[in-house]
Protein backbone atom coordinates (compact mmCIF):
# COMPACT_ATOMS: atom_id res chain seq x y z
CA MET A 1 7.10 18.82 -1.95
CA THR A 2 8.10 18.13 1.92
CA ARG A 3 9.26 14.67 3.21
CA ALA A 4 5.84 14.05 4.32
CA GLY A 5 4.86 13.87 0.75
CA VAL A 6 3.29 11.15 -1.25
CA ALA A 7 4.26 10.76 -4.70
CA ILE A 8 1.18 8.95 -6.68
CA ASN A 9 2.86 6.60 -9.84
CA ALA A 10 0.56 7.56 -12.41
CA ARG A 11 2.12 5.29 -15.35
CA ALA A 12 -1.56 3.56 -15.70
CA ALA A 13 -3.25 7.11 -15.65
CA VAL A 14 -1.21 7.44 -19.30
CA ARG A 15 -2.46 4.80 -21.02
CA ARG A 16 -4.60 5.88 -24.01
CA GLN A 17 -6.98 2.77 -23.66
CA ILE A 18 -8.30 2.19 -19.82
CA GLY A 19 -9.64 -0.52 -18.30
CA GLY A 20 -10.58 -1.05 -14.72
CA VAL A 21 -6.46 -0.13 -13.37
CA GLU A 22 -6.25 2.40 -15.55
CA ARG A 23 -9.92 4.17 -14.55
CA VAL A 24 -8.51 4.21 -10.61
CA ALA A 25 -5.45 5.62 -11.60
CA ARG A 26 -6.74 8.19 -13.56
CA GLU A 27 -8.99 9.30 -10.88
CA LEU A 28 -7.34 8.90 -7.82
CA SER A 29 -4.40 11.35 -9.73
CA ALA A 30 -7.08 14.31 -10.24
CA TRP A 31 -9.31 13.67 -6.93
CA LEU A 32 -6.05 12.81 -3.93
CA PRO A 33 -4.53 16.29 -5.27
CA ARG A 34 -8.00 17.77 -5.15
CA ILE A 35 -8.92 16.65 -1.68
CA ALA A 36 -5.28 16.94 0.13
CA PRO A 37 -3.52 19.79 -1.27
CA GLY A 38 -0.17 19.85 -0.94
CA ARG A 39 -0.22 15.79 0.02
CA TYR A 40 0.25 14.36 -3.57
CA ARG A 41 2.89 14.47 -6.51
CA VAL A 42 1.22 12.79 -9.78
CA LEU A 43 4.17 11.30 -11.12
CA ALA A 44 3.65 9.71 -14.79
CA PRO A 45 6.46 9.17 -17.54
CA ARG A 46 5.59 9.82 -21.67
CA PRO A 47 3.03 8.08 -22.69
CA ALA A 48 5.09 5.30 -24.90
CA LEU A 49 5.98 3.72 -21.29
CA ALA A 50 3.40 3.16 -19.95
CA HIS A 51 2.76 -0.15 -20.73
CA ARG A 52 5.76 -2.47 -21.17
CA ARG A 53 8.28 -0.60 -22.00
CA GLY A 54 7.89 1.74 -18.86
CA GLN A 55 8.59 -1.54 -16.14
CA ALA A 56 12.34 -0.20 -15.63
CA TRP A 57 11.08 3.85 -14.95
CA GLU A 58 8.69 2.64 -12.47
CA GLN A 59 11.33 0.09 -10.75
CA LEU A 60 14.01 2.98 -11.14
CA VAL A 61 13.34 6.04 -12.34
CA LEU A 62 9.94 6.87 -9.95
CA PRO A 63 11.94 6.00 -6.73
CA ALA A 64 14.54 8.83 -8.29
CA ARG A 65 12.30 10.88 -8.27
CA ALA A 66 10.59 10.12 -6.05
CA ARG A 67 13.33 10.46 -3.76
CA ASP A 68 11.74 13.22 -1.41
CA CYS A 69 8.61 11.59 -0.69
CA GLU A 70 7.71 9.82 2.21
CA LEU A 71 5.55 7.37 0.67
CA ILE A 72 5.03 6.13 -3.19
CA LEU A 73 1.42 5.40 -3.65
CA GLY A 74 1.03 2.52 -6.82
CA PRO A 75 -3.14 2.62 -8.07
CA ALA A 76 -2.61 -0.01 -10.05
CA ASN A 77 -0.93 -3.19 -8.82
CA LEU A 78 2.43 -2.84 -9.45
CA ALA A 79 5.39 -0.48 -7.31
CA PRO A 80 9.13 -0.38 -6.91
CA VAL A 81 10.15 -4.20 -6.16
CA ALA A 82 12.70 -2.96 -3.52
CA GLY A 83 11.14 -0.01 -2.56
CA ARG A 84 10.12 0.21 1.55
CA ARG A 85 7.65 3.54 1.25
CA ASN A 86 4.96 1.62 -1.19
CA VAL A 87 1.58 2.00 -0.43
CA VAL A 88 0.02 -0.07 -2.99
CA MET A 89 -3.59 -1.10 -4.46
CA ILE A 90 -3.56 -4.59 -5.73
CA HIS A 91 -7.01 -4.89 -7.32
CA ASP A 92 -7.17 -8.95 -7.84
CA VAL A 93 -4.65 -12.18 -7.53
CA ALA A 94 -5.94 -13.34 -10.80
CA PRO A 95 -2.66 -14.19 -11.87
CA PHE A 96 -3.08 -16.65 -8.51
CA ALA A 97 -6.51 -17.46 -9.06
CA GLY A 98 -6.39 -19.58 -12.69
CA ASP A 99 -4.86 -20.40 -15.01
CA TRP A 100 -5.19 -17.64 -17.54
CA TYR A 101 -1.62 -15.77 -17.52
CA ARG A 102 0.94 -18.03 -19.14
CA SER A 103 2.58 -15.35 -20.86
CA LEU A 104 5.24 -13.39 -19.79
CA TYR A 105 3.20 -10.61 -17.94
CA GLY A 106 2.13 -13.34 -16.13
CA ARG A 107 5.89 -14.41 -14.87
CA TRP A 108 6.65 -10.75 -13.65
CA HIS A 109 3.23 -10.41 -11.96
CA ARG A 110 3.51 -13.74 -10.24
CA ALA A 111 7.07 -13.18 -9.52
CA ALA A 112 6.52 -9.18 -8.44
CA LEU A 113 3.11 -9.32 -6.90
CA PRO A 114 4.11 -10.65 -3.16
CA ARG A 115 7.57 -9.21 -2.95
CA ILE A 116 5.41 -5.54 -2.89
CA ALA A 117 2.51 -7.04 -1.11
CA ARG A 118 5.12 -8.07 1.93
CA GLY A 119 7.31 -5.12 1.44
CA ALA A 120 4.54 -2.45 1.37
CA ARG A 121 3.72 -0.01 3.99
CA ALA A 122 0.69 -1.11 3.40
CA VAL A 123 -2.10 -2.64 0.75
CA ILE A 124 -5.54 -1.40 -0.21
CA ALA A 125 -7.28 -4.41 -1.97
CA PRO A 126 -11.10 -3.14 -3.57
CA SER A 127 -12.70 -5.89 -1.87
CA GLU A 128 -13.02 -8.01 1.96
CA ALA A 129 -12.51 -11.03 -0.84
CA VAL A 130 -9.72 -9.34 -2.30
CA ARG A 131 -8.22 -8.95 1.15
CA ALA A 132 -8.66 -12.69 2.18
CA GLN A 133 -6.98 -13.51 -0.78
CA LEU A 134 -3.71 -11.22 -0.45
CA VAL A 135 -3.47 -12.36 2.78
CA GLU A 136 -3.81 -16.08 1.70
CA LEU A 137 -2.09 -16.48 -1.75
CA LEU A 138 0.26 -13.39 -1.69
CA GLY A 139 1.76 -13.74 2.37
CA ALA A 140 0.70 -9.86 2.64
CA ALA A 141 0.47 -9.13 6.65
CA PRO A 142 -3.61 -8.76 7.81
CA GLU A 143 -3.01 -5.35 9.84
CA ARG A 144 -1.15 -3.96 6.88
CA VAL A 145 -4.10 -4.85 4.47
CA ARG A 146 -7.09 -2.61 4.10
CA VAL A 147 -10.51 -2.54 2.30
CA VAL A 148 -11.16 0.36 0.44
CA ALA A 149 -14.33 -0.09 -2.59
CA LEU A 150 -13.89 1.42 -6.38
CA GLY A 151 -16.40 4.35 -6.96
CA VAL A 152 -17.99 5.73 -10.07
CA ASP A 153 -18.64 9.52 -11.61
CA PRO A 154 -21.96 10.87 -10.77
CA SER A 155 -21.97 12.48 -14.05
CA TRP A 156 -22.19 8.94 -15.60
CA ALA A 157 -25.91 8.92 -14.65
CA ARG A 158 -27.17 12.51 -16.38
CA GLY A 159 -24.08 13.11 -19.35
CA ALA A 160 -25.61 9.10 -20.83
CA ASP A 161 -27.39 9.84 -24.42
CA PRO A 162 -28.41 6.39 -25.26
CA GLU A 163 -29.87 7.22 -28.74
CA ARG A 164 -26.57 9.01 -29.93
CA VAL A 165 -24.38 6.13 -28.88
CA ARG A 166 -27.49 3.85 -30.54
CA ALA A 167 -26.69 5.89 -33.69
CA ARG A 168 -23.28 5.79 -33.58
CA HIS A 169 -22.86 2.07 -33.53
CA GLY A 170 -26.00 0.87 -34.83
CA LEU A 171 -27.78 -0.48 -32.65
CA SER A 172 -31.67 -0.35 -33.32
CA GLY A 173 -33.34 -3.20 -30.97
CA PRO A 174 -32.75 -4.32 -27.54
CA TYR A 175 -29.44 -5.07 -26.69
CA VAL A 176 -27.48 -7.25 -23.94
CA LEU A 177 -24.26 -5.57 -22.86
CA ALA A 178 -21.42 -6.96 -21.44
CA VAL A 179 -18.31 -4.78 -21.25
CA GLY A 180 -14.21 -5.40 -20.29
CA THR A 181 -11.23 -6.43 -21.38
CA ASP A 182 -12.06 -9.28 -23.45
CA LEU A 183 -9.37 -12.02 -21.55
CA PRO A 184 -10.83 -15.43 -20.60
CA ARG A 185 -11.30 -14.77 -17.00
CA LYS A 186 -14.33 -12.64 -18.21
CA ASN A 187 -16.18 -15.55 -19.89
CA PHE A 188 -17.83 -13.87 -22.47
CA ALA A 189 -18.11 -17.12 -24.33
CA LEU A 190 -20.59 -18.01 -22.47
CA LEU A 191 -23.35 -14.69 -23.34
CA ASP A 192 -21.57 -16.24 -26.91
CA ALA A 193 -23.62 -19.11 -26.58
CA LEU A 194 -26.28 -17.46 -24.91
CA ALA A 195 -26.97 -15.24 -28.07
CA GLY A 196 -28.93 -17.68 -30.19
CA PRO A 197 -31.50 -18.16 -27.05
CA LEU A 198 -31.62 -14.66 -26.36
CA ALA A 199 -32.29 -13.45 -29.92
CA ARG A 200 -35.02 -15.69 -29.63
CA GLU A 201 -35.97 -13.53 -27.14
CA GLY A 202 -35.89 -10.50 -29.00
CA LEU A 203 -32.65 -9.40 -27.17
CA GLU A 204 -28.82 -9.11 -28.85
CA VAL A 205 -25.70 -9.72 -27.65
CA VAL A 206 -23.46 -6.45 -27.84
CA LEU A 207 -19.31 -6.73 -26.55
CA ALA A 208 -17.59 -3.64 -25.55
CA GLY A 209 -14.37 -3.93 -25.02
CA SER A 210 -10.45 -4.31 -26.54
CA GLY A 211 -8.00 -7.15 -25.87
CA ARG A 212 -4.33 -6.88 -24.26
CA ALA A 213 -1.46 -7.58 -26.58
CA TYR A 214 -0.25 -10.16 -23.59
CA MET A 215 -3.00 -12.09 -24.07
CA PRO A 216 -5.33 -13.00 -26.83
CA GLY A 217 -8.72 -12.28 -26.96
CA GLY A 218 -11.83 -14.78 -27.70
CA SER A 219 -13.59 -15.15 -30.90
CA TYR A 220 -16.98 -14.39 -31.13
CA SER A 221 -20.44 -15.01 -33.06
CA VAL A 222 -22.12 -11.81 -31.40
CA ARG A 223 -21.73 -8.25 -32.31
CA THR A 224 -18.60 -6.61 -30.62
CA LEU A 225 -17.76 -3.15 -30.52
CA ASP A 226 -13.97 -3.21 -29.61
CA TYR A 227 -12.95 0.06 -27.25
CA VAL A 228 -15.50 2.16 -26.92
CA GLU A 229 -14.76 5.78 -25.92
CA ASP A 230 -15.26 7.37 -22.69
CA ALA A 231 -18.07 9.86 -24.15
CA ASP A 232 -20.17 7.33 -25.01
CA LEU A 233 -19.85 4.59 -22.09
CA PRO A 234 -22.52 6.20 -20.36
CA GLY A 235 -25.02 6.13 -23.31
CA LEU A 236 -24.02 2.66 -24.66
CA TYR A 237 -24.95 1.75 -20.57
CA ALA A 238 -28.08 3.21 -20.77
CA GLY A 239 -29.17 2.23 -23.46
CA ALA A 240 -28.68 -1.50 -22.74
CA ALA A 241 -32.17 -3.68 -21.73
CA ALA A 242 -29.78 -5.22 -19.60
CA PHE A 243 -25.87 -5.85 -18.48
CA ALA A 244 -24.09 -8.86 -18.26
CA MET A 245 -21.17 -9.84 -16.26
CA PRO A 246 -20.56 -12.96 -16.40
CA SER A 247 -16.99 -13.26 -14.87
CA LEU A 248 -14.85 -16.82 -13.15
CA TYR A 249 -12.85 -13.81 -11.45
CA GLU A 250 -13.36 -10.19 -10.50
CA GLY A 251 -11.41 -8.54 -7.84
CA PHE A 252 -14.31 -6.38 -7.95
CA GLY A 253 -16.37 -5.23 -11.20
CA LEU A 254 -16.00 -1.97 -11.73
CA PRO A 255 -18.57 -1.69 -14.89
CA CYS A 256 -21.42 -3.12 -12.78
CA LEU A 257 -21.43 0.22 -10.86
CA GLU A 258 -21.07 1.65 -13.81
CA ALA A 259 -24.16 0.35 -15.43
CA MET A 260 -26.19 0.52 -12.39
CA ALA A 261 -24.81 4.63 -12.14
CA CYS A 262 -26.39 4.95 -16.16
CA GLY A 263 -30.15 2.99 -14.66
CA THR A 264 -29.36 -0.38 -16.24
CA PRO A 265 -30.37 -3.39 -14.50
CA VAL A 266 -27.29 -5.94 -13.74
CA VAL A 267 -26.79 -9.32 -14.09
CA ALA A 268 -23.36 -10.98 -12.66
CA SER A 269 -21.58 -13.79 -11.63
CA ASP A 270 -21.92 -15.01 -8.40
CA ARG A 271 -18.43 -15.41 -7.89
CA PRO A 272 -16.03 -13.17 -5.33
CA ALA A 273 -16.18 -10.87 -5.34
CA LEU A 274 -18.84 -9.67 -7.58
CA PRO A 275 -21.55 -10.45 -4.86
CA GLU A 276 -19.67 -8.23 -2.59
CA ALA A 277 -19.53 -4.85 -5.13
CA CYS A 278 -22.99 -5.15 -6.02
CA GLY A 279 -24.17 -5.03 -2.66
CA GLY A 280 -27.56 -6.96 -3.29
CA ALA A 281 -28.25 -4.65 -6.34
CA ALA A 282 -27.81 -7.01 -8.76
CA LEU A 283 -29.72 -10.50 -10.01
CA LEU A 284 -26.21 -13.22 -9.82
CA ALA A 285 -26.21 -16.48 -11.37
CA ALA A 286 -23.38 -19.02 -11.97
CA PRO A 287 -20.92 -18.61 -15.01
CA ASP A 288 -21.24 -21.96 -15.99
CA ASP A 289 -24.67 -22.20 -15.70
CA ALA A 290 -26.34 -21.22 -18.92
CA GLU A 291 -29.66 -21.14 -18.56
CA GLY A 292 -30.03 -19.71 -15.14
CA PHE A 293 -27.69 -17.30 -16.17
CA ALA A 294 -30.28 -16.77 -19.56
CA ALA A 295 -33.15 -16.82 -16.89
CA ALA A 296 -31.97 -13.79 -15.15
CA LEU A 297 -30.76 -11.81 -17.96
CA LEU A 298 -34.71 -12.24 -19.03
CA SER A 299 -36.01 -11.57 -15.73
CA ALA A 300 -33.62 -7.72 -15.36
CA ALA A 301 -34.14 -7.40 -19.60
CA HIS A 302 -37.73 -7.56 -19.79
CA GLY A 303 -39.33 -5.27 -17.29
CA GLY A 304 -41.73 -5.42 -14.31
CA PRO A 305 -41.36 -5.36 -10.89
CA GLU A 306 -37.93 -7.01 -10.82
CA ARG A 307 -36.81 -4.79 -13.33
CA ALA A 308 -37.90 -1.94 -11.95
CA ARG A 309 -36.18 -3.02 -8.17
CA LEU A 310 -33.03 -3.44 -9.65
CA VAL A 311 -32.74 -0.32 -11.39
CA SER A 312 -33.99 1.16 -8.18
CA ALA A 313 -31.47 -0.11 -5.85
CA GLY A 314 -28.59 0.22 -8.82
CA ARG A 315 -29.09 4.00 -8.34
CA GLN A 316 -28.84 4.09 -5.15
CA ARG A 317 -25.51 1.41 -5.02
CA ALA A 318 -23.59 4.24 -7.53
CA ALA A 319 -24.96 6.58 -6.09
CA LEU A 320 -23.27 5.62 -2.79
CA LEU A 321 -19.77 4.62 -4.21
CA THR A 322 -18.43 7.25 -5.88
CA TRP A 323 -14.54 8.30 -6.54
CA GLU A 324 -14.47 11.04 -4.18
CA ARG A 325 -15.45 8.63 -0.98
CA THR A 326 -12.82 6.34 -2.96
CA ALA A 327 -9.93 8.68 -3.14
CA SER A 328 -10.96 9.52 0.85
CA GLY A 329 -10.98 6.20 1.67
CA VAL A 330 -7.13 5.77 0.20
CA ASP A 331 -5.79 9.33 1.65
CA SER A 332 -6.96 8.01 5.06
CA VAL A 333 -4.40 4.63 4.88
CA VAL A 334 -1.94 7.07 3.56
CA ASP A 335 -2.99 9.83 6.27
CA ASP A 336 -2.17 6.68 9.08
CA LEU A 337 1.31 6.46 7.78
CA LEU A 338 2.36 9.61 7.60
CA ARG A 339 0.87 9.84 11.39
CA GLU A 340 3.06 6.84 12.16
CA ARG A 341 6.26 8.69 10.98
């Protein structure tokens, strides 16, 4: 590896359970060395250091192991705080956008993210909404912030087996699905409140996703599947009558794209950056309007021209945004920096 090489910080990629940032870290760790052979080196700690215990590895060991690399690419928000070689993907500014993070996790991110954003050679945001927030809230230099949308694996459209997944999880009737880490900003409480009205229309609410140790999840009356392995996710999406994402805040909204790839109509919050990520291929509703959100879900789930339009538009949107396209966009940012050198 020459001095012009790029080290990929794959700490998030070796976590067993994955959410959005872990998915990005895994996909880029696989795609970037494929599209630019010889440019990238994937560096990861042992899995025991993938979470909080790995902070010291990220701050001290990673820069040492990447000492002969020109750049260090951080695909999962964090990077060596004192580093001057960082290209970092910051997926959202949730610790600054709402009163959701009171733990050590929140304090660390509020302290580290502004320093990382201001000191990085380049910052990559998943949406224009996050780009503006990085400049306004974290003090990133506008000329250093680029937007690269996230993606979905095209194989999800082909590999979905809803009947097998339905049988495995005991899903016998039509259901509205939500997927995501159980955090307050995901607003799953809205779907819990809508369970009764939706049940009267023949729809069960199903939540899939585990909590995080740094933030306790909610308590819900609806069916919860906890963490669902990757092998089951496409079938779970494809078997749903509609997919719901009522978040109060998102930096992108990757599950919406995954649902679209599986041919499931999407109803999402109208809060940034979900309208941008969905690109006109979803119904939008206010996350604090229970009646309006329920009406949108019923429109998406119960067939007719609107459902057909959403399914078609969603498939087209998902086909446009692939992980290969995301990796190419990130590599373009890296290439520009290496050419500057």
